[in-house]
Amino acid sequence: MDAQTIKVILADDHPSVLAGIKSIITTTNLQVVATACNSTEIIKLLDRGVCDVLVSDYTMPGGEFGDGIPMFEFILRRYPAVRIVAMTMMDNPAILGQLRSSGIRCIVSKTDDVSLLISAVHIAHGSDKGEFFSPTIKAIFNVFGEAKGLLALSQRESEVLRLFVSGMAISEIAGQLHRSKQTISSQKNSAMRKIGVARDIDLFKYAIEVGLIPSRRIENKK
């Protein structure tokens, strides 16, 4: 009995990595139909409708459509039928949490066994609600459980929070995002309620715990 062939596009900006992954994940029912090294090439391939699952690195600079979360969100909007498996070297729980909340439900760390991509592809292809996290990613989510508060934030709240803990004042954020100071303040307060902190100093401590800012920066906020 022949299993359905799953057509896969591999994307990574290192040709040697692409070759290595391709040799490992090509199985009787996984077919790597194309490879790409940036977002421009990915979009050209997806426009042809050639794949079921995109396996892509998180960081691939130089493409017309960027990389990371903005690239993945664009692909999810434009090609809702395509499933995505993200590969990454990142261990920042806040960014990984944001990646998960953006709709990427299969994430594999490049520090884990590359053969895990086979399971990730099958799960991604089988259901738009299935999740697969390689051991390193799963451990990060388990250890930094408090980072899950970020998943409840709206995109605008998350944006305001990140700018605020980076050191920007409310007025500066308002100017950069072209919103009123009242709106920015309201979004900041809403984000703080959702993650369960009441004071700015606690917000900075939280940001350190989940990896949004380095610990040394809090000393300037006391």
Foldseek 3Di string as FASTA:
>chain_A
DQDAAFEEEEEAQDVVVVVVLQVQQDDSRYHDPYYYHDLQVVVVVVVVVGGQEYEYEQDRPDDPQHGHLSSVLVCCVVPVRHFYEYEYQDLQQLSVLVSVLSQNQHYEYPVDDSNVVNVSSVQRNVDSPGHHYPPSNVVSCVVLVLSNLSSPADPLLNVLLLVVLVPDDLVRVCVVVVHDSVVSVVSPCVSCVSSPHDDPLVSNVNCCSSVSDPPVVSVVVD
